[in-house]
């Protein structure tokens, strides 16, 4: 029972960390898009570490929204 509560809290924490990662990358993308103009186009480039983390975060948040965050036993 204690392990279930601990696991649920860890999953909830991972959910919020994933949300923060998505918000961070979204902010940087919008910032690059707003600064860009036709004379000086600015590209938003993800690093080798950031792209897999963003993909994992997006998939976890979408999965959590459809199935739920908590494990029910």
PDB file of N, CA and C in Angstrom:
ATOM      1  N   UNK A   1       0.818  -1.194   0.000  1.00  0.00           N
ATOM      2  CA  UNK A   1       0.000   0.000   0.000  1.00  0.00           C
ATOM      3  C   UNK A   1       0.865   1.263   0.000  1.00  0.00           C
ATOM      4  N   UNK A   2       1.920   1.249   0.788  1.00  0.00           N
ATOM      5  CA  UNK A   2       2.821   2.406   0.810  1.00  0.00           C
ATOM      6  C   UNK A   2       3.552   2.523  -0.524  1.00  0.00           C
ATOM      7  N   UNK A   3       3.898   1.376  -1.119  1.00  0.00           N
ATOM      8  CA  UNK A   3       4.598   1.399  -2.396  1.00  0.00           C
ATOM      9  C   UNK A   3       3.704   1.957  -3.496  1.00  0.00           C
ATOM     10  N   UNK A   4       2.419   1.684  -3.426  1.00  0.00           N
ATOM     11  CA  UNK A   4       1.481   2.214  -4.420  1.00  0.00           C
ATOM     12  C   UNK A   4       1.390   3.735  -4.330  1.00  0.00           C
ATOM     13  N   UNK A   5       1.332   4.230  -3.086  1.00  0.00           N
ATOM     14  CA  UNK A   5       1.277   5.679  -2.903  1.00  0.00           C
ATOM     15  C   UNK A   5       2.559   6.334  -3.388  1.00  0.00           C
ATOM     16  N   UNK A   6       3.687   5.713  -3.100  1.00  0.00           N
ATOM     17  CA  UNK A   6       4.973   6.252  -3.543  1.00  0.00           C
ATOM     18  C   UNK A   6       5.076   6.249  -5.067  1.00  0.00           C
ATOM     19  N   UNK A   7       4.636   5.156  -5.682  1.00  0.00           N
ATOM     20  CA  UNK A   7       4.667   5.063  -7.138  1.00  0.00           C
ATOM     21  C   UNK A   7       3.743   6.098  -7.773  1.00  0.00           C
ATOM     22  N   UNK A   8       2.564   6.308  -7.196  1.00  0.00           N
ATOM     23  CA  UNK A   8       1.639   7.308  -7.719  1.00  0.00           C
ATOM     24  C   UNK A   8       2.221   8.715  -7.608  1.00  0.00           C
ATOM     25  N   UNK A   9       2.897   8.999  -6.503  1.00  0.00           N
ATOM     26  CA  UNK A   9       3.522  10.313  -6.346  1.00  0.00           C
ATOM     27  C   UNK A   9       4.671  10.503  -7.335  1.00  0.00           C
ATOM     28  N   UNK A  10       5.427   9.450  -7.574  1.00  0.00           N
ATOM     29  CA  UNK A  10       6.511   9.545  -8.566  1.00  0.00           C
ATOM     30  C   UNK A  10       5.954   9.764  -9.975  1.00  0.00           C
ATOM     31  N   UNK A  11       4.881   9.068 -10.309  1.00  0.00           N
ATOM     32  CA  UNK A  11       4.267   9.260 -11.622  1.00  0.00           C
ATOM     33  C   UNK A  11       3.700  10.666 -11.782  1.00  0.00           C
ATOM     34  N   UNK A  12       3.108  11.190 -10.713  1.00  0.00           N
ATOM     35  CA  UNK A  12       2.583  12.549 -10.758  1.00  0.00           C
ATOM     36  C   UNK A  12       3.713  13.563 -10.905  1.00  0.00           C
ATOM     37  N   UNK A  13       4.828  13.335 -10.202  1.00  0.00           N
ATOM     38  CA  UNK A  13       5.981  14.220 -10.329  1.00  0.00           C
ATOM     39  C   UNK A  13       6.551  14.166 -11.750  1.00  0.00           C
ATOM     40  N   UNK A  14       6.642  12.967 -12.315  1.00  0.00           N
ATOM     41  CA  UNK A  14       7.128  12.833 -13.686  1.00  0.00           C
ATOM     42  C   UNK A  14       6.187  13.519 -14.672  1.00  0.00           C
ATOM     43  N   UNK A  15       4.880  13.496 -14.391  1.00  0.00           N
ATOM     44  CA  UNK A  15       3.913  14.182 -15.239  1.00  0.00           C
ATOM     45  C   UNK A  15       4.176  15.689 -15.242  1.00  0.00           C
ATOM     46  N   UNK A  16       4.379  16.277 -14.074  1.00  0.00           N
ATOM     47  CA  UNK A  16       4.633  17.714 -14.007  1.00  0.00           C
ATOM     48  C   UNK A  16       5.987  18.086 -14.613  1.00  0.00           C
ATOM     49  N   UNK A  17       6.992  17.248 -14.447  1.00  0.00           N
ATOM     50  CA  UNK A  17       8.286  17.504 -15.085  1.00  0.00           C
ATOM     51  C   UNK A  17       8.137  17.443 -16.607  1.00  0.00           C
ATOM     52  N   UNK A  18       7.338  16.522 -17.094  1.00  0.00           N
ATOM     53  CA  UNK A  18       7.091  16.425 -18.533  1.00  0.00           C
ATOM     54  C   UNK A  18       6.367  17.665 -19.043  1.00  0.00           C
ATOM     55  N   UNK A  19       5.383  18.131 -18.278  1.00  0.00           N
ATOM     56  CA  UNK A  19       4.686  19.354 -18.662  1.00  0.00           C
ATOM     57  C   UNK A  19       5.637  20.551 -18.718  1.00  0.00           C
ATOM     58  N   UNK A  20       6.516  20.660 -17.734  1.00  0.00           N
ATOM     59  CA  UNK A  20       7.489  21.756 -17.736  1.00  0.00           C
ATOM     60  C   UNK A  20       8.428  21.673 -18.932  1.00  0.00           C
ATOM     61  N   UNK A  21       8.824  20.478 -19.306  1.00  0.00           N
ATOM     62  CA  UNK A  21       9.688  20.299 -20.468  1.00  0.00           C
ATOM     63  C   UNK A  21       8.969  20.723 -21.748  1.00  0.00           C
ATOM     64  N   UNK A  22       7.708  20.368 -21.891  1.00  0.00           N
ATOM     65  CA  UNK A  22       6.933  20.748 -23.070  1.00  0.00           C
ATOM     66  C   UNK A  22       6.745  22.257 -23.118  1.00  0.00           C
ATOM     67  N   UNK A  23       6.427  22.859 -21.973  1.00  0.00           N
ATOM     68  CA  UNK A  23       6.249  24.319 -21.917  1.00  0.00           C
ATOM     69  C   UNK A  23       7.555  25.023 -22.255  1.00  0.00           C
ATOM     70  N   UNK A  24       8.675  24.522 -21.749  1.00  0.00           N
ATOM     71  CA  UNK A  24       9.986  25.128 -22.019  1.00  0.00           C
ATOM     72  C   UNK A  24      10.308  25.111 -23.513  1.00  0.00           C
ATOM     73  N   UNK A  25      10.142  23.949 -24.142  1.00  0.00           N
ATOM     74  CA  UNK A  25      10.444  23.856 -25.568  1.00  0.00           C
ATOM     75  C   UNK A  25       9.452  24.661 -26.398  1.00  0.00           C
ATOM     76  N   UNK A  26       8.206  24.705 -25.975  1.00  0.00           N
ATOM     77  CA  UNK A  26       7.219  25.539 -26.667  1.00  0.00           C
ATOM     78  C   UNK A  26       7.563  27.014 -26.574  1.00  0.00           C
ATOM     79  N   UNK A  27       8.035  27.443 -25.404  1.00  0.00           N
ATOM     80  CA  UNK A  27       8.438  28.834 -25.232  1.00  0.00           C
ATOM     81  C   UNK A  27       9.608  29.186 -26.149  1.00  0.00           C
ATOM     82  N   UNK A  28      10.621  28.323 -26.200  1.00  0.00           N
ATOM     83  CA  UNK A  28      11.773  28.590 -27.060  1.00  0.00           C
ATOM     84  C   UNK A  28      11.384  28.573 -28.537  1.00  0.00           C
ATOM     85  N   UNK A  29      10.446  27.692 -28.906  1.00  0.00           N
ATOM     86  CA  UNK A  29       9.983  27.654 -30.292  1.00  0.00           C
ATOM     87  C   UNK A  29       9.253  28.945 -30.654  1.00  0.00           C
ATOM     88  N   UNK A  30       8.370  29.406 -29.785  1.00  0.00           N
ATOM     89  CA  UNK A  30       7.632  30.653 -30.050  1.00  0.00           C
ATOM     90  C   UNK A  30       8.580  31.837 -30.061  1.00  0.00           C
ATOM     91  N   UNK A  31       9.565  31.831 -29.175  1.00  0.00           N
ATOM     92  CA  UNK A  31      10.549  32.913 -29.139  1.00  0.00           C
ATOM     93  C   UNK A  31      11.337  32.978 -30.449  1.00  0.00           C
ATOM     94  N   UNK A  32      11.752  31.837 -30.980  1.00  0.00           N
ATOM     95  CA  UNK A  32      12.484  31.822 -32.247  1.00  0.00           C
ATOM     96  C   UNK A  32      11.574  32.221 -33.397  1.00  0.00           C
ATOM     97  N   UNK A  33      10.308  31.850 -33.334  1.00  0.00           N
ATOM     98  CA  UNK A  33       9.351  32.169 -34.393  1.00  0.00           C
ATOM     99  C   UNK A  33       9.040  33.661 -34.421  1.00  0.00           C
ATOM    100  N   UNK A  34       8.925  34.297 -33.250  1.00  0.00           N
ATOM    101  CA  UNK A  34       8.622  35.725 -33.178  1.00  0.00           C
ATOM    102  C   UNK A  34       9.822  36.551 -33.620  1.00  0.00           C
ATOM    103  N   UNK A  35      11.021  36.132 -33.262  1.00  0.00           N
ATOM    104  CA  UNK A  35      12.224  36.879 -33.646  1.00  0.00           C
ATOM    105  C   UNK A  35      12.537  36.759 -35.130  1.00  0.00           C
ATOM    106  N   UNK A  36      12.039  35.732 -35.754  1.00  0.00           N
ATOM    107  CA  UNK A  36      12.351  35.483 -37.157  1.00  0.00           C
ATOM    108  C   UNK A  36      11.611  36.470 -38.057  1.00  0.00           C
ATOM    109  N   UNK A  37      12.280  36.883 -39.111  1.00  0.00           N
ATOM    110  CA  UNK A  37      11.632  37.699 -40.138  1.00  0.00           C
ATOM    111  C   UNK A  37      12.160  37.247 -41.499  1.00  0.00           C
ATOM    112  N   UNK A  38      11.676  37.872 -42.559  1.00  0.00           N
ATOM    113  CA  UNK A  38      12.064  37.421 -43.895  1.00  0.00           C
ATOM    114  C   UNK A  38      13.533  37.708 -44.197  1.00  0.00           C
ATOM    115  N   UNK A  39      14.099  38.757 -43.598  1.00  0.00           N
ATOM    116  CA  UNK A  39      15.496  39.092 -43.839  1.00  0.00           C
ATOM    117  C   UNK A  39      16.442  38.201 -43.037  1.00  0.00           C
ATOM    118  N   UNK A  40      16.050  37.876 -41.824  1.00  0.00           N
ATOM    119  CA  UNK A  40      16.903  37.088 -40.942  1.00  0.00           C
ATOM    120  C   UNK A  40      16.087  35.954 -40.323  1.00  0.00           C
ATOM    121  N   UNK A  41      15.911  34.855 -41.059  1.00  0.00           N
ATOM    122  CA  UNK A  41      15.125  33.755 -40.486  1.00  0.00           C
ATOM    123  C   UNK A  41      15.884  33.050 -39.358  1.00  0.00           C
ATOM    124  N   UNK A  42      15.172  32.787 -38.278  1.00  0.00           N
ATOM    125  CA  UNK A  42      15.741  32.108 -37.127  1.00  0.00           C
ATOM    126  C   UNK A  42      15.105  30.729 -37.012  1.00  0.00           C
ATOM    127  N   UNK A  43      15.949  29.694 -36.979  1.00  0.00           N
ATOM    128  CA  UNK A  43      15.438  28.334 -36.846  1.00  0.00           C
ATOM    129  C   UNK A  43      15.531  27.905 -35.389  1.00  0.00           C
ATOM    130  N   UNK A  44      14.552  27.112 -34.988  1.00  0.00           N
ATOM    131  CA  UNK A  44      14.589  26.511 -33.653  1.00  0.00           C
ATOM    132  C   UNK A  44      15.191  25.122 -33.796  1.00  0.00           C
ATOM    133  N   UNK A  45      16.376  24.946 -33.229  1.00  0.00           N
ATOM    134  CA  UNK A  45      17.108  23.696 -33.369  1.00  0.00           C
ATOM    135  C   UNK A  45      17.151  22.998 -32.009  1.00  0.00           C
ATOM    136  N   UNK A  46      16.721  21.750 -32.002  1.00  0.00           N
ATOM    137  CA  UNK A  46      16.770  20.944 -30.787  1.00  0.00           C
ATOM    138  C   UNK A  46      18.094  20.187 -30.735  1.00  0.00           C
ATOM    139  N   UNK A  47      18.648  20.094 -29.548  1.00  0.00           N
ATOM    140  CA  UNK A  47      19.903  19.355 -29.402  1.00  0.00           C
ATOM    141  C   UNK A  47      19.635  17.855 -29.424  1.00  0.00           C
ATOM    142  N   UNK A  48      20.699  17.080 -29.427  1.00  0.00           N
ATOM    143  CA  UNK A  48      20.573  15.621 -29.465  1.00  0.00           C
ATOM    144  C   UNK A  48      19.915  15.075 -28.203  1.00  0.00           C
ATOM    145  N   UNK A  49      20.107  15.731 -27.067  1.00  0.00           N
ATOM    146  CA  UNK A  49      19.495  15.274 -25.819  1.00  0.00           C
ATOM    147  C   UNK A  49      18.070  15.795 -25.663  1.00  0.00           C
ATOM    148  N   UNK A  50      17.804  16.973 -26.196  1.00  0.00           N
ATOM    149  CA  UNK A  50      16.510  17.610 -25.996  1.00  0.00           C
ATOM    150  C   UNK A  50      15.394  16.967 -26.825  1.00  0.00           C
ATOM    151  N   UNK A  51      15.711  16.515 -28.013  1.00  0.00           N
ATOM    152  CA  UNK A  51      14.682  15.938 -28.886  1.00  0.00           C
ATOM    153  C   UNK A  51      14.092  14.643 -28.325  1.00  0.00           C
ATOM    154  N   UNK A  52      14.892  13.672 -27.870  1.00  0.00           N
ATOM    155  CA  UNK A  52      14.279  12.477 -27.277  1.00  0.00           C
ATOM    156  C   UNK A  52      13.501  12.778 -25.985  1.00  0.00           C
ATOM    157  N   UNK A  53      14.006  13.722 -25.174  1.00  0.00           N
ATOM    158  CA  UNK A  53      13.291  14.077 -23.954  1.00  0.00           C
ATOM    159  C   UNK A  53      11.956  14.727 -24.263  1.00  0.00           C
ATOM    160  N   UNK A  54      11.909  15.555 -25.306  1.00  0.00           N
ATOM    161  CA  UNK A  54      10.650  16.169 -25.703  1.00  0.00           C
ATOM    162  C   UNK A  54       9.678  15.116 -26.227  1.00  0.00           C
ATOM    163  N   UNK A  55      10.177  14.169 -26.984  1.00  0.00           N
ATOM    164  CA  UNK A  55       9.318  13.106 -27.506  1.00  0.00           C
ATOM    165  C   UNK A  55       8.769  12.241 -26.376  1.00  0.00           C
ATOM    166  N   UNK A  56       9.600  11.893 -25.408  1.00  0.00           N
ATOM    167  CA  UNK A  56       9.140  11.101 -24.269  1.00  0.00           C
ATOM    168  C   UNK A  56       8.136  11.886 -23.437  1.00  0.00           C
ATOM    169  N   UNK A  57       8.403  13.173 -23.248  1.00  0.00           N
ATOM    170  CA  UNK A  57       7.484  14.004 -22.471  1.00  0.00           C
ATOM    171  C   UNK A  57       6.133  14.130 -23.161  1.00  0.00           C
ATOM    172  N   UNK A  58       6.155  14.361 -24.458  1.00  0.00           N
ATOM    173  CA  UNK A  58       4.895  14.461 -25.200  1.00  0.00           C
ATOM    174  C   UNK A  58       4.111  13.159 -25.155  1.00  0.00           C
ATOM    175  N   UNK A  59       4.793  12.052 -25.345  1.00  0.00           N
ATOM    176  CA  UNK A  59       4.085  10.770 -25.334  1.00  0.00           C
ATOM    177  C   UNK A  59       3.546  10.461 -23.945  1.00  0.00           C
ATOM    178  N   UNK A  60       4.278  10.788 -22.886  1.00  0.00           N
ATOM    179  CA  UNK A  60       3.807  10.519 -21.528  1.00  0.00           C
ATOM    180  C   UNK A  60       2.602  11.386 -21.181  1.00  0.00           C
ATOM    181  N   UNK A  61       2.653  12.663 -21.565  1.00  0.00           N
ATOM    182  CA  UNK A  61       1.526  13.552 -21.257  1.00  0.00           C
ATOM    183  C   UNK A  61       0.290  13.123 -22.040  1.00  0.00           C
ATOM    184  N   UNK A  62       0.436  12.805 -23.304  1.00  0.00           N
ATOM    185  CA  UNK A  62      -0.720  12.352 -24.090  1.00  0.00           C
ATOM    186  C   UNK A  62      -1.278  11.040 -23.552  1.00  0.00           C
ATOM    187  N   UNK A  63      -0.405  10.128 -23.174  1.00  0.00           N
ATOM    188  CA  UNK A  63      -0.868   8.861 -22.606  1.00  0.00           C
ATOM    189  C   UNK A  63      -1.571   9.095 -21.270  1.00  0.00           C
ATOM    190  N   UNK A  64      -1.036   9.991 -20.454  1.00  0.00           N
ATOM    191  CA  UNK A  64      -1.639  10.266 -19.159  1.00  0.00           C
ATOM    192  C   UNK A  64      -2.992  10.946 -19.303  1.00  0.00           C
ATOM    193  N   UNK A  65      -3.127  11.790 -20.297  1.00  0.00           N
ATOM    194  CA  UNK A  65      -4.418  12.452 -20.505  1.00  0.00           C
ATOM    195  C   UNK A  65      -5.492  11.473 -20.977  1.00  0.00           C
ATOM    196  N   UNK A  66      -5.096  10.443 -21.690  1.00  0.00           N
ATOM    197  CA  UNK A  66      -6.088   9.496 -22.190  1.00  0.00           C
ATOM    198  C   UNK A  66      -6.374   8.369 -21.204  1.00  0.00           C
ATOM    199  N   UNK A  67      -5.356   7.923 -20.449  1.00  0.00           N
ATOM    200  CA  UNK A  67      -5.563   6.770 -19.564  1.00  0.00           C
ATOM    201  C   UNK A  67      -5.588   7.142 -18.092  1.00  0.00           C
ATOM    202  N   UNK A  68      -5.028   8.249 -17.706  1.00  0.00           N
ATOM    203  CA  UNK A  68      -4.960   8.637 -16.307  1.00  0.00           C
ATOM    204  C   UNK A  68      -3.537   8.508 -15.783  1.00  0.00           C
ATOM    205  N   UNK A  69      -3.274   9.186 -14.687  1.00  0.00           N
ATOM    206  CA  UNK A  69      -1.924   9.217 -14.133  1.00  0.00           C
ATOM    207  C   UNK A  69      -1.737   8.123 -13.090  1.00  0.00           C
ATOM    208  N   UNK A  70      -2.728   7.851 -12.293  1.00  0.00           N
ATOM    209  CA  UNK A  70      -2.576   6.991 -11.120  1.00  0.00           C
ATOM    210  C   UNK A  70      -2.766   5.520 -11.455  1.00  0.00           C
ATOM    211  N   UNK A  71      -2.065   4.701 -10.710  1.00  0.00           N
ATOM    212  CA  UNK A  71      -2.200   3.259 -10.825  1.00  0.00           C
ATOM    213  C   UNK A  71      -3.197   2.807  -9.764  1.00  0.00           C
ATOM    214  N   UNK A  72      -4.239   2.134 -10.179  1.00  0.00           N
ATOM    215  CA  UNK A  72      -5.267   1.667  -9.240  1.00  0.00           C
ATOM    216  C   UNK A  72      -5.126   0.159  -9.080  1.00  0.00           C
ATOM    217  N   UNK A  73      -4.979  -0.254  -7.840  1.00  0.00           N
ATOM    218  CA  UNK A  73      -4.834  -1.688  -7.561  1.00  0.00           C
ATOM    219  C   UNK A  73      -6.008  -2.150  -6.724  1.00  0.00           C
TER     220      UNK A  73
END
